[in-house]
């Protein structure tokens, strides 16, 4: 039976897709245009079409889902359509990545609102009765590969990011998400939220220290204002998506940390420990 992987052409889905191919699993890339994928299995999907999504999901052993970086209005539409398609097709297992949206702090201001796209997606799939696991990372290390972040590190020895220097984050990489998603496809007894990220959480200063060791030169950390970061992001992702990112960092500025809960962590539930910053940098060959 097949595994349908959303985002197989992008940063979030491609590590899981490649991992499945290497293991000889029947992974299928859910893409807009399968004709561009001549050497691997692919299926056409349209987030705006329930019929398209349901056709892709039918007879699937697993479906990996994350919502793309577009406006929240579009994400809400996609979330409702995906959930409806899951309900129609009834795959054996669904694994969602929240892409950093907080879903595991109920009753706090950090919790994503009930009407957010991510919450809508989770709630909609839960109603279908299909086995569901929700991967809940906090921030991706790949964010640090954006040219607006990495180039100042390489040329000026300055790591700039829209968080305070002493703000702890349970960072994880897309490679870690692939490891956890693969394990959750294999073990459907684990359901609900699975937090993915480093424990203890890592501060900006500690991030810079890891970059210093990797590059063999001093790298210092400098906190950016979220609005300034948003201005730099807009040419890359568009104003709507950038505004959502800015809002997230402004929310983080109101709390003391962005760390996963150890009780629901991948370390506890699956025995999977995410890569350190240094391990990640070495593995991706920056």
Protein backbone atom coordinates (compact mmCIF):
# COMPACT_ATOMS: atom_id res chain seq x y z
CA UNK A 1 0.00 0.00 0.00
CA UNK A 2 1.12 3.52 -0.78
CA UNK A 3 2.20 6.45 1.38
CA UNK A 4 1.10 9.85 0.09
CA UNK A 5 3.58 12.61 0.91
CA UNK A 6 2.52 16.24 0.65
CA UNK A 7 5.37 18.65 0.06
CA UNK A 8 7.59 15.98 -1.48
CA UNK A 9 9.10 18.63 -3.72
CA UNK A 10 9.77 21.03 -0.84
CA UNK A 11 11.70 21.37 2.37
CA UNK A 12 9.22 19.67 4.68
CA UNK A 13 8.14 16.64 2.69
CA UNK A 14 11.21 15.82 0.63
CA UNK A 15 13.30 14.28 3.46
CA UNK A 16 10.45 11.90 4.31
CA UNK A 17 9.88 11.09 0.64
CA UNK A 18 13.58 10.35 0.09
CA UNK A 19 13.73 8.28 3.28
CA UNK A 20 10.82 6.18 2.06
CA UNK A 21 12.36 5.67 -1.38
CA UNK A 22 15.66 4.57 0.14
CA UNK A 23 13.81 2.05 2.33
CA UNK A 24 11.93 0.66 -0.66
CA UNK A 25 8.53 1.89 0.51
CA UNK A 26 5.72 2.74 -1.88
CA UNK A 27 5.92 6.49 -1.40
CA UNK A 28 4.01 8.76 -3.77
CA UNK A 29 4.64 12.48 -4.15
CA UNK A 30 1.47 14.58 -3.95
CA UNK A 31 2.22 17.36 -6.43
CA UNK A 32 0.48 19.78 -8.77
CA UNK A 33 2.09 18.42 -11.94
CA UNK A 34 3.14 14.75 -11.93
CA UNK A 35 4.53 15.08 -15.47
CA UNK A 36 7.59 16.79 -13.97
CA UNK A 37 8.27 13.63 -11.93
CA UNK A 38 9.30 11.10 -14.55
CA UNK A 39 11.56 8.96 -12.38
CA UNK A 40 9.49 8.56 -9.16
CA UNK A 41 5.82 7.89 -8.36
CA UNK A 42 3.67 11.03 -8.19
CA UNK A 43 -0.02 11.90 -8.11
CA UNK A 44 -1.74 15.15 -9.01
CA UNK A 45 -3.43 16.98 -6.14
CA UNK A 46 -5.26 20.27 -5.98
CA UNK A 47 -5.74 21.71 -2.49
CA UNK A 48 -8.86 23.49 -3.71
CA UNK A 49 -10.50 20.24 -4.84
CA UNK A 50 -11.81 17.65 -2.37
CA UNK A 51 -12.28 15.14 -5.20
CA UNK A 52 -8.63 15.51 -6.24
CA UNK A 53 -7.38 14.97 -2.69
CA UNK A 54 -9.70 12.05 -1.98
CA UNK A 55 -8.60 10.29 -5.17
CA UNK A 56 -4.97 10.58 -4.07
CA UNK A 57 -5.68 9.33 -0.53
CA UNK A 58 -7.84 6.36 -1.46
CA UNK A 59 -6.24 2.98 -0.56
CA UNK A 60 -3.29 4.75 1.11
CA UNK A 61 -1.53 3.17 4.05
CA UNK A 62 -0.40 6.58 5.23
CA UNK A 63 -0.73 10.27 4.37
CA UNK A 64 1.74 12.95 5.47
CA UNK A 65 0.19 16.40 5.57
CA UNK A 66 1.40 19.91 6.27
CA UNK A 67 -0.18 23.16 5.20
CA UNK A 68 1.82 25.30 2.76
CA UNK A 69 3.07 28.80 3.55
CA UNK A 70 0.29 30.91 2.05
CA UNK A 71 -2.27 33.30 3.49
CA UNK A 72 -4.31 32.01 6.44
CA UNK A 73 -7.49 32.30 4.39
CA UNK A 74 -6.08 29.90 1.81
CA UNK A 75 -4.77 27.60 4.52
CA UNK A 76 -8.24 27.37 6.08
CA UNK A 77 -9.71 26.33 2.74
CA UNK A 78 -6.99 23.72 2.27
CA UNK A 79 -7.46 22.39 5.82
CA UNK A 80 -11.19 21.88 5.38
CA UNK A 81 -10.72 20.21 1.99
CA UNK A 82 -8.00 17.87 3.24
CA UNK A 83 -10.08 16.81 6.24
CA UNK A 84 -13.13 16.16 4.08
CA UNK A 85 -11.02 14.14 1.64
CA UNK A 86 -9.56 12.07 4.47
CA UNK A 87 -13.09 11.36 5.65
CA UNK A 88 -14.08 10.15 2.21
CA UNK A 89 -10.98 8.13 1.38
CA UNK A 90 -10.30 6.69 4.86
CA UNK A 91 -6.55 6.00 4.62
CA UNK A 92 -5.13 3.77 7.34
CA UNK A 93 -3.06 6.50 9.00
CA UNK A 94 -2.56 10.27 8.82
CA UNK A 95 0.47 12.14 10.16
CA UNK A 96 0.26 15.93 10.32
CA UNK A 97 3.11 18.34 10.90
CA UNK A 98 1.97 21.60 12.47
CA UNK A 99 5.02 23.37 10.99
CA UNK A 100 5.63 25.15 14.28
CA UNK A 101 2.09 26.19 15.20
CA UNK A 102 1.61 25.51 18.90
CA UNK A 103 -1.07 22.89 19.57
CA UNK A 104 0.20 21.29 22.78
CA UNK A 105 -0.28 24.09 25.32
CA UNK A 106 -4.04 24.06 25.95
CA UNK A 107 -5.42 26.89 28.03
CA UNK A 108 -2.52 29.24 27.29
CA UNK A 109 -2.14 32.26 25.06
CA UNK A 110 0.39 30.29 22.98
CA UNK A 111 -2.18 27.71 21.89
CA UNK A 112 -3.29 28.14 18.28
CA UNK A 113 -6.83 29.48 18.17
CA UNK A 114 -9.67 27.07 17.50
CA UNK A 115 -10.37 28.75 14.17
CA UNK A 116 -6.77 28.63 12.91
CA UNK A 117 -6.04 26.52 9.86
CA UNK A 118 -3.89 24.03 11.79
CA UNK A 119 -6.51 23.55 14.53
CA UNK A 120 -9.21 23.23 11.87
CA UNK A 121 -7.19 20.55 10.08
CA UNK A 122 -6.55 18.53 13.23
CA UNK A 123 -10.11 18.79 14.46
CA UNK A 124 -11.50 17.87 11.05
CA UNK A 125 -9.37 14.74 10.72
CA UNK A 126 -10.09 13.68 14.29
CA UNK A 127 -13.79 13.63 13.40
CA UNK A 128 -13.15 11.15 10.59
CA UNK A 129 -12.03 8.44 13.00
CA UNK A 130 -8.85 7.82 11.00
CA UNK A 131 -5.74 7.06 13.08
CA UNK A 132 -3.98 10.40 13.56
CA UNK A 133 -0.65 11.56 14.95
CA UNK A 134 0.29 15.24 15.08
CA UNK A 135 3.97 16.13 14.87
CA UNK A 136 4.45 19.40 16.77
CA UNK A 137 7.84 21.02 16.13
CA UNK A 138 8.54 24.55 17.33
CA UNK A 139 11.11 26.23 15.05
CA UNK A 140 12.99 24.68 12.15
CA UNK A 141 16.76 24.86 11.93
CA UNK A 142 16.25 25.24 8.17
CA UNK A 143 14.97 28.76 8.89
CA UNK A 144 18.60 29.58 9.57
CA UNK A 145 19.49 28.68 5.98
CA UNK A 146 17.50 31.58 4.55
CA UNK A 147 19.96 33.85 2.72
CA UNK A 148 18.92 36.78 4.91
CA UNK A 149 20.08 34.75 7.93
CA UNK A 150 22.95 32.61 6.63
CA UNK A 151 24.78 35.19 4.50
CA UNK A 152 25.50 37.54 7.45
CA UNK A 153 26.78 34.50 9.36
CA UNK A 154 29.23 33.61 6.60
CA UNK A 155 30.35 37.13 5.68
CA UNK A 156 30.06 39.10 8.92
CA UNK A 157 30.06 36.48 11.68
CA UNK A 158 26.61 37.63 12.85
CA UNK A 159 23.60 35.36 13.34
CA UNK A 160 20.52 37.58 13.10
CA UNK A 161 17.11 36.25 14.08
CA UNK A 162 13.87 37.73 15.49
CA UNK A 163 14.27 36.29 19.00
CA UNK A 164 16.11 37.45 22.10
CA UNK A 165 19.63 36.14 22.63
CA UNK A 166 18.60 34.28 25.79
CA UNK A 167 15.26 32.96 24.44
CA UNK A 168 15.23 29.11 24.56
CA UNK A 169 13.77 27.17 21.62
CA UNK A 170 13.30 23.45 21.01
CA UNK A 171 14.80 23.62 17.52
CA UNK A 172 14.45 20.68 15.12
CA UNK A 173 15.23 20.02 11.48
CA UNK A 174 13.17 18.68 8.60
CA UNK A 175 15.39 15.60 8.83
CA UNK A 176 14.14 15.06 12.39
CA UNK A 177 10.54 15.43 11.22
CA UNK A 178 11.15 12.75 8.58
CA UNK A 179 12.53 10.37 11.21
CA UNK A 180 9.52 10.90 13.47
CA UNK A 181 6.94 10.71 10.66
CA UNK A 182 8.48 7.47 9.41
CA UNK A 183 8.31 6.01 12.91
CA UNK A 184 4.69 7.12 13.31
CA UNK A 185 3.73 5.42 10.06
CA UNK A 186 5.31 2.22 11.38
CA UNK A 187 3.76 2.41 14.86
CA UNK A 188 0.11 3.47 14.69
CA UNK A 189 -0.35 2.84 18.42
CA UNK A 190 1.12 6.31 19.04
CA UNK A 191 -1.59 8.90 18.45
CA UNK A 192 -2.17 12.51 19.41
CA UNK A 193 0.53 15.16 19.68
CA UNK A 194 4.23 14.27 19.46
CA UNK A 195 6.55 17.18 20.19
CA UNK A 196 9.77 17.30 18.18
CA UNK A 197 12.69 19.44 19.28
CA UNK A 198 15.80 19.73 21.37
CA UNK A 199 15.72 19.28 25.12
CA UNK A 200 16.92 21.32 26.87
CA UNK A 201 15.87 24.13 24.56
CA UNK A 202 18.64 26.14 22.88
CA UNK A 203 19.17 29.92 23.17
CA UNK A 204 20.31 32.29 20.45
CA UNK A 205 23.73 32.55 22.07
CA UNK A 206 24.03 28.75 22.02
CA UNK A 207 23.01 28.69 18.37
CA UNK A 208 25.77 31.15 17.56
CA UNK A 209 28.26 29.04 19.53
CA UNK A 210 27.34 25.98 17.45
CA UNK A 211 27.84 27.97 14.23
CA UNK A 212 31.18 29.22 15.58
CA UNK A 213 32.40 25.67 16.14
CA UNK A 214 31.15 24.51 12.75
CA UNK A 215 32.72 27.34 10.74
CA UNK A 216 35.83 27.63 12.89
CA UNK A 217 35.35 31.37 13.42
CA UNK A 218 33.54 33.53 15.93
CA UNK A 219 29.82 34.01 15.28
CA UNK A 220 27.81 36.32 17.52
CA UNK A 221 24.05 36.47 17.92
CA UNK A 222 21.94 39.56 17.25
CA UNK A 223 18.20 39.71 17.88
CA UNK A 224 16.10 41.28 15.11
CA UNK A 225 12.81 43.14 15.48
CA UNK A 226 10.06 40.86 14.03
CA UNK A 227 8.77 43.64 11.76
CA UNK A 228 12.26 44.10 10.30
CA UNK A 229 12.47 40.36 9.74
CA UNK A 230 9.07 40.45 8.04
CA UNK A 231 10.23 43.12 5.63
CA UNK A 232 13.13 40.89 4.64
CA UNK A 233 10.82 37.87 4.24
CA UNK A 234 8.16 39.55 2.10
CA UNK A 235 10.07 39.32 -1.22
CA UNK A 236 10.52 35.59 -0.61
CA UNK A 237 7.07 34.51 0.62
CA UNK A 238 4.70 37.40 -0.10
CA UNK A 239 3.11 39.90 2.25
CA UNK A 240 0.37 37.61 3.56
CA UNK A 241 2.65 34.73 4.54
CA UNK A 242 5.29 37.10 5.94
CA UNK A 243 2.67 38.80 8.10
CA UNK A 244 1.76 35.43 9.62
CA UNK A 245 5.40 34.73 10.42
CA UNK A 246 5.83 38.16 12.02
CA UNK A 247 2.76 37.57 14.17
CA UNK A 248 4.22 34.31 15.40
CA UNK A 249 7.49 35.90 16.48
CA UNK A 250 5.67 38.75 18.18
CA UNK A 251 3.68 36.18 20.15
CA UNK A 252 6.89 34.42 21.16
CA UNK A 253 8.24 37.69 22.48
CA UNK A 254 5.46 37.63 25.10
CA UNK A 255 6.58 34.35 26.68
CA UNK A 256 9.75 33.03 28.26
CA UNK A 257 10.49 30.09 25.95
CA UNK A 258 9.31 28.07 22.95
CA UNK A 259 9.97 24.56 24.20
CA UNK A 260 8.24 21.21 23.77
CA UNK A 261 6.70 19.23 26.62
CA UNK A 262 8.94 16.35 27.62
CA UNK A 263 5.97 14.06 28.37
CA UNK A 264 4.71 14.23 24.78
CA UNK A 265 8.12 14.47 23.13
CA UNK A 266 9.47 12.14 20.46
CA UNK A 267 12.25 11.34 22.91
CA UNK A 268 9.72 9.96 25.39
CA UNK A 269 7.10 8.46 23.07
CA UNK A 270 9.33 7.08 20.31
CA UNK A 271 12.87 7.07 21.68
CA UNK A 272 13.98 9.46 18.92
CA UNK A 273 16.37 12.27 19.83
CA UNK A 274 16.67 15.16 17.35
CA UNK A 275 20.00 16.24 15.93
CA UNK A 276 22.04 18.86 17.73
CA UNK A 277 22.74 22.07 15.85
CA UNK A 278 26.29 20.90 15.19
CA UNK A 279 25.16 17.48 13.94
CA UNK A 280 22.62 19.10 11.65
CA UNK A 281 25.14 21.55 10.19
CA UNK A 282 27.58 18.73 9.49
CA UNK A 283 24.93 16.48 7.94
CA UNK A 284 23.59 19.06 5.51
CA UNK A 285 27.11 20.17 4.57
CA UNK A 286 26.76 23.92 4.93
